[in-house]
């Protein structure tokens, strides 16, 4: 047989029914700092904020997603960061 040097390395991949690779790692960006959140940042969070209708009810099925890195959370600025991010987003979506 072929030794370790001559063998081709095969990566295990998860494929969907169409044969497309679906297990790609897609890094997130911190919505506040714009920095990439590493896969080892276990204190980062991702928050979905619902878009409400004119009666204040979540019936539209739409939401905005914000990601906050662990260093933002550890500095104690995540509350104000999320508030300011949502204020900007509300103007963009007209809510």
C-alpha atoms as a PDB file:
ATOM      1  CA  UNK A   1       0.000   0.000   0.000  1.00  0.00           C
ATOM      2  CA  UNK A   2       0.865   3.620  -0.025  1.00  0.00           C
ATOM      3  CA  UNK A   3       2.608   5.003   3.006  1.00  0.00           C
ATOM      4  CA  UNK A   4       1.589   8.100   4.890  1.00  0.00           C
ATOM      5  CA  UNK A   5       3.674  10.248   2.566  1.00  0.00           C
ATOM      6  CA  UNK A   6       2.125   9.013  -0.644  1.00  0.00           C
ATOM      7  CA  UNK A   7      -1.471   8.889   0.522  1.00  0.00           C
ATOM      8  CA  UNK A   8      -3.792  11.719  -0.336  1.00  0.00           C
ATOM      9  CA  UNK A   9      -5.397  13.341   2.641  1.00  0.00           C
ATOM     10  CA  UNK A  10      -9.175  13.348   2.520  1.00  0.00           C
ATOM     11  CA  UNK A  11     -11.201  15.812   4.509  1.00  0.00           C
ATOM     12  CA  UNK A  12     -14.413  14.628   5.990  1.00  0.00           C
ATOM     13  CA  UNK A  13     -17.134  16.811   4.570  1.00  0.00           C
ATOM     14  CA  UNK A  14     -20.847  17.057   5.138  1.00  0.00           C
ATOM     15  CA  UNK A  15     -22.673  17.167   1.818  1.00  0.00           C
ATOM     16  CA  UNK A  16     -26.312  17.949   1.169  1.00  0.00           C
ATOM     17  CA  UNK A  17     -28.513  16.089  -1.322  1.00  0.00           C
ATOM     18  CA  UNK A  18     -27.170  18.223  -4.183  1.00  0.00           C
ATOM     19  CA  UNK A  19     -23.579  17.282  -3.297  1.00  0.00           C
ATOM     20  CA  UNK A  20     -22.667  20.769  -2.029  1.00  0.00           C
ATOM     21  CA  UNK A  21     -20.383  21.174   0.971  1.00  0.00           C
ATOM     22  CA  UNK A  22     -22.482  22.480   3.856  1.00  0.00           C
ATOM     23  CA  UNK A  23     -20.088  22.338   6.801  1.00  0.00           C
ATOM     24  CA  UNK A  24     -18.100  25.467   6.028  1.00  0.00           C
ATOM     25  CA  UNK A  25     -17.144  27.624   8.997  1.00  0.00           C
ATOM     26  CA  UNK A  26     -18.418  31.141   8.456  1.00  0.00           C
ATOM     27  CA  UNK A  27     -16.869  33.559  10.955  1.00  0.00           C
ATOM     28  CA  UNK A  28     -19.006  36.264  12.517  1.00  0.00           C
ATOM     29  CA  UNK A  29     -18.115  39.923  12.892  1.00  0.00           C
ATOM     30  CA  UNK A  30     -18.769  41.881  16.053  1.00  0.00           C
ATOM     31  CA  UNK A  31     -21.546  44.335  15.236  1.00  0.00           C
ATOM     32  CA  UNK A  32     -20.025  46.920  17.571  1.00  0.00           C
ATOM     33  CA  UNK A  33     -16.275  46.774  16.876  1.00  0.00           C
ATOM     34  CA  UNK A  34     -16.302  45.254  13.387  1.00  0.00           C
ATOM     35  CA  UNK A  35     -13.655  42.707  14.400  1.00  0.00           C
ATOM     36  CA  UNK A  36     -13.878  39.030  13.477  1.00  0.00           C
ATOM     37  CA  UNK A  37     -15.126  36.882  16.357  1.00  0.00           C
ATOM     38  CA  UNK A  38     -12.817  33.893  16.649  1.00  0.00           C
ATOM     39  CA  UNK A  39     -14.203  30.399  16.977  1.00  0.00           C
ATOM     40  CA  UNK A  40     -12.594  30.158  20.426  1.00  0.00           C
ATOM     41  CA  UNK A  41     -14.432  33.222  21.799  1.00  0.00           C
ATOM     42  CA  UNK A  42     -16.858  31.336  24.018  1.00  0.00           C
ATOM     43  CA  UNK A  43     -18.226  34.479  25.680  1.00  0.00           C
ATOM     44  CA  UNK A  44     -19.503  36.043  22.458  1.00  0.00           C
ATOM     45  CA  UNK A  45     -23.254  36.195  21.871  1.00  0.00           C
ATOM     46  CA  UNK A  46     -25.586  36.588  18.932  1.00  0.00           C
ATOM     47  CA  UNK A  47     -28.919  38.308  19.585  1.00  0.00           C
ATOM     48  CA  UNK A  48     -31.975  38.439  17.326  1.00  0.00           C
ATOM     49  CA  UNK A  49     -34.179  41.502  17.872  1.00  0.00           C
ATOM     50  CA  UNK A  50     -37.722  41.116  16.551  1.00  0.00           C
ATOM     51  CA  UNK A  51     -39.332  43.657  14.223  1.00  0.00           C
ATOM     52  CA  UNK A  52     -42.772  44.537  15.561  1.00  0.00           C
ATOM     53  CA  UNK A  53     -45.843  45.731  13.698  1.00  0.00           C
ATOM     54  CA  UNK A  54     -47.662  48.994  14.464  1.00  0.00           C
ATOM     55  CA  UNK A  55     -49.503  47.303  17.365  1.00  0.00           C
ATOM     56  CA  UNK A  56     -46.286  46.163  19.018  1.00  0.00           C
ATOM     57  CA  UNK A  57     -46.829  42.527  18.088  1.00  0.00           C
ATOM     58  CA  UNK A  58     -44.246  40.207  16.533  1.00  0.00           C
ATOM     59  CA  UNK A  59     -46.252  39.093  13.547  1.00  0.00           C
ATOM     60  CA  UNK A  60     -43.935  40.002  10.680  1.00  0.00           C
ATOM     61  CA  UNK A  61     -41.498  37.128  11.193  1.00  0.00           C
ATOM     62  CA  UNK A  62     -38.574  39.498  10.635  1.00  0.00           C
ATOM     63  CA  UNK A  63     -35.692  40.257  12.960  1.00  0.00           C
ATOM     64  CA  UNK A  64     -32.268  41.892  13.040  1.00  0.00           C
ATOM     65  CA  UNK A  65     -29.227  39.946  14.181  1.00  0.00           C
ATOM     66  CA  UNK A  66     -26.420  41.472  16.232  1.00  0.00           C
ATOM     67  CA  UNK A  67     -23.216  39.688  17.279  1.00  0.00           C
ATOM     68  CA  UNK A  68     -21.171  40.939  20.220  1.00  0.00           C
ATOM     69  CA  UNK A  69     -17.635  39.753  20.921  1.00  0.00           C
ATOM     70  CA  UNK A  70     -16.596  38.549  24.347  1.00  0.00           C
ATOM     71  CA  UNK A  71     -14.276  41.501  24.953  1.00  0.00           C
ATOM     72  CA  UNK A  72     -17.181  43.932  24.465  1.00  0.00           C
ATOM     73  CA  UNK A  73     -19.172  41.944  27.013  1.00  0.00           C
ATOM     74  CA  UNK A  74     -16.279  41.743  29.495  1.00  0.00           C
ATOM     75  CA  UNK A  75     -15.806  45.519  29.343  1.00  0.00           C
ATOM     76  CA  UNK A  76     -19.440  45.975  30.365  1.00  0.00           C
ATOM     77  CA  UNK A  77     -20.336  47.934  27.231  1.00  0.00           C
ATOM     78  CA  UNK A  78     -22.555  45.356  25.531  1.00  0.00           C
ATOM     79  CA  UNK A  79     -25.788  46.858  26.896  1.00  0.00           C
ATOM     80  CA  UNK A  80     -25.120  50.334  25.542  1.00  0.00           C
ATOM     81  CA  UNK A  81     -23.634  48.886  22.335  1.00  0.00           C
ATOM     82  CA  UNK A  82     -26.749  46.826  21.640  1.00  0.00           C
ATOM     83  CA  UNK A  83     -28.972  49.806  22.427  1.00  0.00           C
ATOM     84  CA  UNK A  84     -27.121  52.112  20.014  1.00  0.00           C
ATOM     85  CA  UNK A  85     -26.965  49.432  17.310  1.00  0.00           C
ATOM     86  CA  UNK A  86     -30.725  48.896  17.572  1.00  0.00           C
ATOM     87  CA  UNK A  87     -31.432  52.655  17.485  1.00  0.00           C
ATOM     88  CA  UNK A  88     -29.486  52.891  14.193  1.00  0.00           C
ATOM     89  CA  UNK A  89     -31.189  49.809  12.764  1.00  0.00           C
ATOM     90  CA  UNK A  90     -34.662  51.102  13.677  1.00  0.00           C
ATOM     91  CA  UNK A  91     -34.061  54.185  11.541  1.00  0.00           C
ATOM     92  CA  UNK A  92     -32.850  52.000   8.639  1.00  0.00           C
ATOM     93  CA  UNK A  93     -35.908  49.732   8.679  1.00  0.00           C
ATOM     94  CA  UNK A  94     -38.378  52.494   9.504  1.00  0.00           C
ATOM     95  CA  UNK A  95     -39.651  51.084  12.751  1.00  0.00           C
END
